[in-house]
Amino acid sequence: MSVNLAVIPNDFGNYDPSNWSAYGADPQINFLDPTVFRTPGHPSIWHRYPHTSADVNGARETDGRWYPCKAGDHIIFKCWEKTGPADNPAYNNDTHHGSRIGIDFCAPDPSRPGYIMIVAGALVNGVGYDDISIAGHYASEGSNVPCNTPDWTQQIIDCIVPSGFNITEFVDWLQMRPEQGDSAQGWFADSELYLNPPFQPKVLDFPFPKPHQVGAPVQLKLTRI
């Protein structure tokens, strides 16, 4: 059984559930919200305030932990999200604005020994194979749960760490990205992150033959979950 590496709040912010705070303090714009939850007793992460020039969290992002990885590793990242309305109704129901999850892949920076740099990312509906988006790519930045989505909606990233970039570690993140200065809010709940989960065959569409169909073929479909 794989261990969930993205438990809220333990694996986000400063990783201390007794004194939780997310990246972007002074002022803080991301909070734990025990009053909004998908599973009773499990708080959500609340992206409450818009980014302004007064705070340092320009991405309106909450980061998870950094984990070592290598090319060919299998990563599954899931999270349930919901959003409030945008100040500008034109940005409601628009997949370019809202909440999203992602993974940043990093490699050693050859120009700065001891530092790392982002060389690729994984996004929902990102460009390329397995939703991998190479750093600097001109194309899509993935899909968002649009602003004004009041029902919990799950996003899933299921990807393989790409080869050819000397990737050594990754970090998972949650982001609320309406238009600059817009006060649309977002909540993230029941996140899950698995590194190299074991293959688990799942049986789908298992039509047992009816009594008058003795000997009828039974079709099994196997898929990864």
C-alpha atoms as a PDB file:
ATOM      1  CA  MET A   1       0.000   0.000   0.000  1.00  0.00           C
ATOM      2  CA  SER A   2       1.480   3.372  -1.005  1.00  0.00           C
ATOM      3  CA  VAL A   3       1.880   6.174   1.522  1.00  0.00           C
ATOM      4  CA  ASN A   4       0.024   9.419   0.812  1.00  0.00           C
ATOM      5  CA  LEU A   5       2.684  12.146   0.560  1.00  0.00           C
ATOM      6  CA  ALA A   6       0.230  15.071   0.357  1.00  0.00           C
ATOM      7  CA  VAL A   7      -1.792  15.000   3.558  1.00  0.00           C
ATOM      8  CA  ILE A   8      -3.419  18.313   4.471  1.00  0.00           C
ATOM      9  CA  PRO A   9      -2.045  20.070   6.507  1.00  0.00           C
ATOM     10  CA  ASN A  10       0.995  17.946   7.432  1.00  0.00           C
ATOM     11  CA  ASP A  11       2.651  17.951   4.008  1.00  0.00           C
ATOM     12  CA  PHE A  12       2.044  21.589   3.060  1.00  0.00           C
ATOM     13  CA  GLY A  13       3.082  24.998   4.340  1.00  0.00           C
ATOM     14  CA  ASN A  14       5.742  24.685   7.027  1.00  0.00           C
ATOM     15  CA  TYR A  15       4.830  21.002   7.598  1.00  0.00           C
ATOM     16  CA  ASP A  16       3.818  21.658  11.202  1.00  0.00           C
ATOM     17  CA  PRO A  17       0.087  20.966  11.656  1.00  0.00           C
ATOM     18  CA  SER A  18       0.123  22.561  15.121  1.00  0.00           C
ATOM     19  CA  ASN A  19       1.320  25.897  13.726  1.00  0.00           C
ATOM     20  CA  TRP A  20       0.340  25.852  10.075  1.00  0.00           C
ATOM     21  CA  SER A  21       1.196  28.573   7.584  1.00  0.00           C
ATOM     22  CA  ALA A  22       1.666  28.455   3.839  1.00  0.00           C
ATOM     23  CA  TYR A  23       4.214  30.139   1.622  1.00  0.00           C
ATOM     24  CA  GLY A  24       3.396  33.802   1.161  1.00  0.00           C
ATOM     25  CA  ALA A  25       3.417  35.333   4.629  1.00  0.00           C
ATOM     26  CA  ASP A  26       3.539  39.092   5.277  1.00  0.00           C
ATOM     27  CA  PRO A  27       0.695  39.279   4.544  1.00  0.00           C
ATOM     28  CA  GLN A  28      -0.595  35.739   4.576  1.00  0.00           C
ATOM     29  CA  ILE A  29      -3.098  34.981   1.804  1.00  0.00           C
ATOM     30  CA  ASN A  30      -3.460  31.203   2.237  1.00  0.00           C
ATOM     31  CA  PHE A  31      -5.041  29.588   5.294  1.00  0.00           C
ATOM     32  CA  LEU A  32      -6.326  26.358   6.751  1.00  0.00           C
ATOM     33  CA  ASP A  33     -10.123  26.348   6.800  1.00  0.00           C
ATOM     34  CA  PRO A  34     -11.739  23.822   9.171  1.00  0.00           C
ATOM     35  CA  THR A  35     -15.222  25.122   8.294  1.00  0.00           C
ATOM     36  CA  VAL A  36     -15.037  24.121   4.608  1.00  0.00           C
ATOM     37  CA  PHE A  37     -14.264  20.466   4.056  1.00  0.00           C
ATOM     38  CA  ARG A  38     -15.092  17.553   1.804  1.00  0.00           C
ATOM     39  CA  THR A  39     -14.429  14.886   4.438  1.00  0.00           C
ATOM     40  CA  PRO A  40     -15.589  15.698   8.002  1.00  0.00           C
ATOM     41  CA  GLY A  41     -12.661  16.398  10.295  1.00  0.00           C
ATOM     42  CA  HIS A  42     -10.251  17.169   7.454  1.00  0.00           C
ATOM     43  CA  PRO A  43      -9.648  20.900   6.849  1.00  0.00           C
ATOM     44  CA  SER A  44      -9.195  22.439   3.441  1.00  0.00           C
ATOM     45  CA  ILE A  45      -6.502  24.844   2.307  1.00  0.00           C
ATOM     46  CA  TRP A  46      -8.162  28.170   1.609  1.00  0.00           C
ATOM     47  CA  HIS A  47      -6.668  30.634  -0.884  1.00  0.00           C
ATOM     48  CA  ARG A  48      -8.452  33.640   0.474  1.00  0.00           C
ATOM     49  CA  TYR A  49      -6.973  36.928  -0.663  1.00  0.00           C
ATOM     50  CA  PRO A  50      -5.909  38.232  -4.083  1.00  0.00           C
ATOM     51  CA  HIS A  51      -2.248  38.800  -4.804  1.00  0.00           C
ATOM     52  CA  THR A  52      -1.226  42.449  -4.540  1.00  0.00           C
ATOM     53  CA  SER A  53       2.077  44.274  -4.518  1.00  0.00           C
ATOM     54  CA  ALA A  54       2.058  43.963  -0.724  1.00  0.00           C
ATOM     55  CA  ASP A  55       2.668  40.204  -0.582  1.00  0.00           C
ATOM     56  CA  VAL A  56       5.378  37.920  -1.921  1.00  0.00           C
ATOM     57  CA  ASN A  57       3.156  35.065  -3.119  1.00  0.00           C
ATOM     58  CA  GLY A  58       2.640  36.256  -6.668  1.00  0.00           C
ATOM     59  CA  ALA A  59       1.604  32.784  -7.779  1.00  0.00           C
ATOM     60  CA  ARG A  60      -1.082  32.438  -5.053  1.00  0.00           C
ATOM     61  CA  GLU A  61       0.442  29.014  -4.494  1.00  0.00           C
ATOM     62  CA  THR A  62       0.793  26.565  -1.618  1.00  0.00           C
ATOM     63  CA  ASP A  63       3.729  24.193  -1.957  1.00  0.00           C
ATOM     64  CA  GLY A  64       4.109  20.656  -0.682  1.00  0.00           C
ATOM     65  CA  ARG A  65       7.331  18.932   0.285  1.00  0.00           C
ATOM     66  CA  TRP A  66      10.311  18.295  -1.965  1.00  0.00           C
ATOM     67  CA  TYR A  67      10.831  14.623  -2.826  1.00  0.00           C
ATOM     68  CA  PRO A  68      13.715  12.898  -4.634  1.00  0.00           C
ATOM     69  CA  CYS A  69      12.865  11.259  -7.940  1.00  0.00           C
ATOM     70  CA  LYS A  70      14.423  10.045 -11.172  1.00  0.00           C
ATOM     71  CA  ALA A  71      13.455   9.620 -14.791  1.00  0.00           C
ATOM     72  CA  GLY A  72      10.906   6.858 -15.227  1.00  0.00           C
ATOM     73  CA  ASP A  73       9.328   7.218 -11.777  1.00  0.00           C
ATOM     74  CA  HIS A  74       5.524   7.079 -11.722  1.00  0.00           C
ATOM     75  CA  ILE A  75       3.727   9.905  -9.874  1.00  0.00           C
ATOM     76  CA  ILE A  76       0.009  10.253  -9.153  1.00  0.00           C
ATOM     77  CA  PHE A  77      -1.269  13.517  -7.647  1.00  0.00           C
ATOM     78  CA  LYS A  78      -4.958  14.121  -6.872  1.00  0.00           C
ATOM     79  CA  CYS A  79      -6.903  16.893  -5.177  1.00  0.00           C
ATOM     80  CA  TRP A  80     -10.509  18.021  -4.769  1.00  0.00           C
ATOM     81  CA  GLU A  81     -11.124  21.716  -5.436  1.00  0.00           C
ATOM     82  CA  LYS A  82     -13.902  24.261  -5.496  1.00  0.00           C
ATOM     83  CA  THR A  83     -13.930  27.985  -6.216  1.00  0.00           C
ATOM     84  CA  GLY A  84     -15.868  31.153  -5.560  1.00  0.00           C
ATOM     85  CA  PRO A  85     -17.028  33.632  -8.212  1.00  0.00           C
ATOM     86  CA  ALA A  86     -14.618  36.030  -9.857  1.00  0.00           C
ATOM     87  CA  ASP A  87     -15.074  39.775  -9.458  1.00  0.00           C
ATOM     88  CA  ASN A  88     -15.303  39.979 -13.238  1.00  0.00           C
ATOM     89  CA  PRO A  89     -18.047  37.582 -14.426  1.00  0.00           C
ATOM     90  CA  ALA A  90     -16.178  37.157 -17.708  1.00  0.00           C
ATOM     91  CA  TYR A  91     -13.660  34.957 -15.850  1.00  0.00           C
ATOM     92  CA  ASN A  92     -16.280  32.612 -14.410  1.00  0.00           C
ATOM     93  CA  ASN A  93     -16.553  29.198 -16.070  1.00  0.00           C
ATOM     94  CA  ASP A  94     -13.243  29.832 -17.885  1.00  0.00           C
ATOM     95  CA  THR A  95     -10.658  27.014 -17.648  1.00  0.00           C
ATOM     96  CA  HIS A  96      -7.851  29.570 -18.001  1.00  0.00           C
ATOM     97  CA  HIS A  97      -8.776  31.077 -14.618  1.00  0.00           C
ATOM     98  CA  GLY A  98      -9.476  29.271 -11.341  1.00  0.00           C
ATOM     99  CA  SER A  99      -7.776  26.619  -9.236  1.00  0.00           C
ATOM    100  CA  ARG A 100      -5.325  23.963 -10.342  1.00  0.00           C
ATOM    101  CA  ILE A 101      -2.724  21.500  -9.097  1.00  0.00           C
ATOM    102  CA  GLY A 102       0.726  20.871 -10.495  1.00  0.00           C
ATOM    103  CA  ILE A 103       4.147  19.327 -10.077  1.00  0.00           C
ATOM    104  CA  ASP A 104       7.486  21.039 -10.670  1.00  0.00           C
ATOM    105  CA  PHE A 105      10.458  18.871 -11.675  1.00  0.00           C
ATOM    106  CA  CYS A 106      13.905  20.206 -10.868  1.00  0.00           C
ATOM    107  CA  ALA A 107      17.494  19.500 -11.841  1.00  0.00           C
ATOM    108  CA  PRO A 108      20.852  20.852 -10.621  1.00  0.00           C
ATOM    109  CA  ASP A 109      21.580  24.317 -11.996  1.00  0.00           C
ATOM    110  CA  PRO A 110      24.894  24.068 -13.894  1.00  0.00           C
ATOM    111  CA  SER A 111      25.494  27.801 -13.557  1.00  0.00           C
ATOM    112  CA  ARG A 112      24.999  27.856  -9.774  1.00  0.00           C
ATOM    113  CA  PRO A 113      26.506  24.910  -7.887  1.00  0.00           C
ATOM    114  CA  GLY A 114      24.250  23.783  -5.049  1.00  0.00           C
ATOM    115  CA  TYR A 115      21.122  25.294  -6.617  1.00  0.00           C
ATOM    116  CA  ILE A 116      18.316  23.662  -8.581  1.00  0.00           C
ATOM    117  CA  MET A 117      16.149  24.917 -11.417  1.00  0.00           C
ATOM    118  CA  ILE A 118      12.704  23.968 -12.704  1.00  0.00           C
ATOM    119  CA  VAL A 119      13.073  22.119 -16.003  1.00  0.00           C
ATOM    120  CA  ALA A 120       9.597  20.605 -16.479  1.00  0.00           C
ATOM    121  CA  GLY A 121       6.144  20.499 -14.947  1.00  0.00           C
ATOM    122  CA  ALA A 122       3.114  18.227 -14.827  1.00  0.00           C
ATOM    123  CA  LEU A 123      -0.323  19.806 -15.183  1.00  0.00           C
ATOM    124  CA  VAL A 124      -3.873  18.666 -15.801  1.00  0.00           C
ATOM    125  CA  ASN A 125      -4.240  18.775 -19.592  1.00  0.00           C
ATOM    126  CA  GLY A 126      -0.718  20.097 -19.933  1.00  0.00           C
ATOM    127  CA  VAL A 127       1.150  19.823 -23.186  1.00  0.00           C
ATOM    128  CA  GLY A 128       2.963  16.720 -24.313  1.00  0.00           C
ATOM    129  CA  TYR A 129       2.918  13.097 -23.231  1.00  0.00           C
ATOM    130  CA  ASP A 130       1.506  12.347 -19.768  1.00  0.00           C
ATOM    131  CA  ASP A 131       0.629  16.015 -19.212  1.00  0.00           C
ATOM    132  CA  ILE A 132       4.340  16.941 -19.026  1.00  0.00           C
ATOM    133  CA  SER A 133       5.094  20.554 -19.932  1.00  0.00           C
ATOM    134  CA  ILE A 134       8.746  21.335 -20.596  1.00  0.00           C
ATOM    135  CA  ALA A 135      10.014  24.552 -19.031  1.00  0.00           C
ATOM    136  CA  GLY A 136       9.821  27.398 -21.530  1.00  0.00           C
ATOM    137  CA  HIS A 137       7.367  25.575 -23.777  1.00  0.00           C
ATOM    138  CA  TYR A 138       5.164  27.959 -25.739  1.00  0.00           C
ATOM    139  CA  ALA A 139       1.980  25.936 -25.312  1.00  0.00           C
ATOM    140  CA  SER A 140      -0.712  25.320 -22.687  1.00  0.00           C
ATOM    141  CA  GLU A 141      -0.329  25.828 -18.958  1.00  0.00           C
ATOM    142  CA  GLY A 142      -2.947  23.195 -18.243  1.00  0.00           C
ATOM    143  CA  SER A 143      -6.582  23.416 -17.213  1.00  0.00           C
ATOM    144  CA  ASN A 144      -8.135  24.977 -14.129  1.00  0.00           C
ATOM    145  CA  VAL A 145     -11.265  24.313 -12.123  1.00  0.00           C
ATOM    146  CA  PRO A 146     -13.019  27.513 -13.242  1.00  0.00           C
ATOM    147  CA  CYS A 147     -13.963  30.323 -10.909  1.00  0.00           C
ATOM    148  CA  ASN A 148     -17.552  29.989  -9.675  1.00  0.00           C
ATOM    149  CA  THR A 149     -17.417  26.180  -9.316  1.00  0.00           C
ATOM    150  CA  PRO A 150     -19.217  25.586  -5.977  1.00  0.00           C
ATOM    151  CA  ASP A 151     -19.128  21.773  -6.113  1.00  0.00           C
ATOM    152  CA  TRP A 152     -16.049  19.756  -5.193  1.00  0.00           C
ATOM    153  CA  THR A 153     -14.228  18.800  -8.406  1.00  0.00           C
ATOM    154  CA  GLN A 154     -11.265  16.423  -8.541  1.00  0.00           C
ATOM    155  CA  GLN A 155      -8.160  17.025 -10.623  1.00  0.00           C
ATOM    156  CA  ILE A 156      -5.735  14.136 -11.265  1.00  0.00           C
ATOM    157  CA  ILE A 157      -2.187  14.138 -12.612  1.00  0.00           C
ATOM    158  CA  ASP A 158      -0.848  10.700 -13.555  1.00  0.00           C
ATOM    159  CA  CYS A 159       2.594  11.052 -15.108  1.00  0.00           C
ATOM    160  CA  ILE A 160       6.032   9.557 -15.638  1.00  0.00           C
ATOM    161  CA  VAL A 161       9.094  11.652 -14.739  1.00  0.00           C
ATOM    162  CA  PRO A 162      10.590  12.565 -18.128  1.00  0.00           C
ATOM    163  CA  SER A 163      14.106  11.569 -19.134  1.00  0.00           C
ATOM    164  CA  GLY A 164      16.769  13.779 -20.666  1.00  0.00           C
ATOM    165  CA  PHE A 165      16.608  16.591 -18.083  1.00  0.00           C
ATOM    166  CA  ASN A 166      18.695  15.176 -15.200  1.00  0.00           C
ATOM    167  CA  ILE A 167      15.655  15.549 -12.888  1.00  0.00           C
ATOM    168  CA  THR A 168      16.484  14.784  -9.255  1.00  0.00           C
ATOM    169  CA  GLU A 169      13.482  16.048  -7.254  1.00  0.00           C
ATOM    170  CA  PHE A 170       9.945  17.354  -7.483  1.00  0.00           C
ATOM    171  CA  VAL A 171       7.432  19.384  -5.500  1.00  0.00           C
ATOM    172  CA  ASP A 172       3.629  19.320  -5.656  1.00  0.00           C
ATOM    173  CA  TRP A 173       1.634  22.520  -5.454  1.00  0.00           C
ATOM    174  CA  LEU A 174      -1.871  24.000  -5.219  1.00  0.00           C
ATOM    175  CA  GLN A 175      -2.736  27.263  -6.926  1.00  0.00           C
ATOM    176  CA  MET A 176      -5.626  29.686  -7.209  1.00  0.00           C
ATOM    177  CA  ARG A 177      -5.066  31.836 -10.291  1.00  0.00           C
ATOM    178  CA  PRO A 178      -7.840  34.252 -11.248  1.00  0.00           C
ATOM    179  CA  GLU A 179      -7.026  37.467 -13.064  1.00  0.00           C
ATOM    180  CA  GLN A 180      -4.435  39.674 -11.314  1.00  0.00           C
ATOM    181  CA  GLY A 181      -6.035  41.473  -8.376  1.00  0.00           C
ATOM    182  CA  ASP A 182      -9.270  39.464  -8.570  1.00  0.00           C
ATOM    183  CA  SER A 183     -10.534  38.282  -5.167  1.00  0.00           C
ATOM    184  CA  ALA A 184     -11.946  34.903  -6.317  1.00  0.00           C
ATOM    185  CA  GLN A 185     -11.304  32.335  -3.613  1.00  0.00           C
ATOM    186  CA  GLY A 186     -10.451  28.653  -3.826  1.00  0.00           C
ATOM    187  CA  TRP A 187     -10.411  25.629  -1.523  1.00  0.00           C
ATOM    188  CA  PHE A 188      -8.326  22.433  -1.791  1.00  0.00           C
ATOM    189  CA  ALA A 189      -9.217  19.238   0.082  1.00  0.00           C
ATOM    190  CA  ASP A 190      -8.364  15.535   0.408  1.00  0.00           C
ATOM    191  CA  SER A 191      -5.168  15.709  -1.646  1.00  0.00           C
ATOM    192  CA  GLU A 192      -3.199  12.545  -2.433  1.00  0.00           C
ATOM    193  CA  LEU A 193       0.323  12.091  -3.785  1.00  0.00           C
ATOM    194  CA  TYR A 194       1.919   8.717  -4.561  1.00  0.00           C
ATOM    195  CA  LEU A 195       5.403   7.941  -5.835  1.00  0.00           C
ATOM    196  CA  ASN A 196       5.749   4.661  -7.730  1.00  0.00           C
ATOM    197  CA  PRO A 197       2.457   3.185  -6.487  1.00  0.00           C
ATOM    198  CA  PRO A 198       2.117  -0.580  -6.992  1.00  0.00           C
ATOM    199  CA  PHE A 199       0.123  -1.714  -9.987  1.00  0.00           C
ATOM    200  CA  GLN A 200      -3.394  -2.626  -8.864  1.00  0.00           C
ATOM    201  CA  PRO A 201      -5.577  -4.341 -11.448  1.00  0.00           C
ATOM    202  CA  LYS A 202      -9.131  -3.084 -11.292  1.00  0.00           C
ATOM    203  CA  VAL A 203     -11.948  -5.126 -12.751  1.00  0.00           C
ATOM    204  CA  LEU A 204     -14.439  -3.124 -14.794  1.00  0.00           C
ATOM    205  CA  ASP A 205     -17.518  -4.132 -16.761  1.00  0.00           C
ATOM    206  CA  PHE A 206     -17.821  -7.678 -15.411  1.00  0.00           C
ATOM    207  CA  PRO A 207     -21.071  -8.972 -16.974  1.00  0.00           C
ATOM    208  CA  PHE A 208     -21.760 -12.360 -15.417  1.00  0.00           C
ATOM    209  CA  PRO A 209     -23.673 -14.574 -17.891  1.00  0.00           C
ATOM    210  CA  LYS A 210     -27.380 -14.958 -17.280  1.00  0.00           C
ATOM    211  CA  PRO A 211     -28.696 -18.494 -16.589  1.00  0.00           C
ATOM    212  CA  HIS A 212     -29.763 -18.935 -20.210  1.00  0.00           C
ATOM    213  CA  GLN A 213     -26.316 -17.752 -21.335  1.00  0.00           C
ATOM    214  CA  VAL A 214     -24.237 -20.526 -19.805  1.00  0.00           C
ATOM    215  CA  GLY A 215     -20.913 -20.557 -21.561  1.00  0.00           C
ATOM    216  CA  ALA A 216     -21.194 -16.956 -22.718  1.00  0.00           C
ATOM    217  CA  PRO A 217     -17.825 -15.185 -22.737  1.00  0.00           C
ATOM    218  CA  VAL A 218     -16.979 -12.933 -19.796  1.00  0.00           C
ATOM    219  CA  GLN A 219     -15.006  -9.794 -20.650  1.00  0.00           C
ATOM    220  CA  LEU A 220     -12.447  -8.411 -18.240  1.00  0.00           C
ATOM    221  CA  LYS A 221     -10.877  -4.986 -18.588  1.00  0.00           C
ATOM    222  CA  LEU A 222      -7.812  -4.049 -16.564  1.00  0.00           C
ATOM    223  CA  THR A 223      -6.749  -0.496 -15.950  1.00  0.00           C
ATOM    224  CA  ARG A 224      -4.315   1.332 -13.702  1.00  0.00           C
ATOM    225  CA  ILE A 225      -5.730   3.279 -10.793  1.00  0.00           C
END
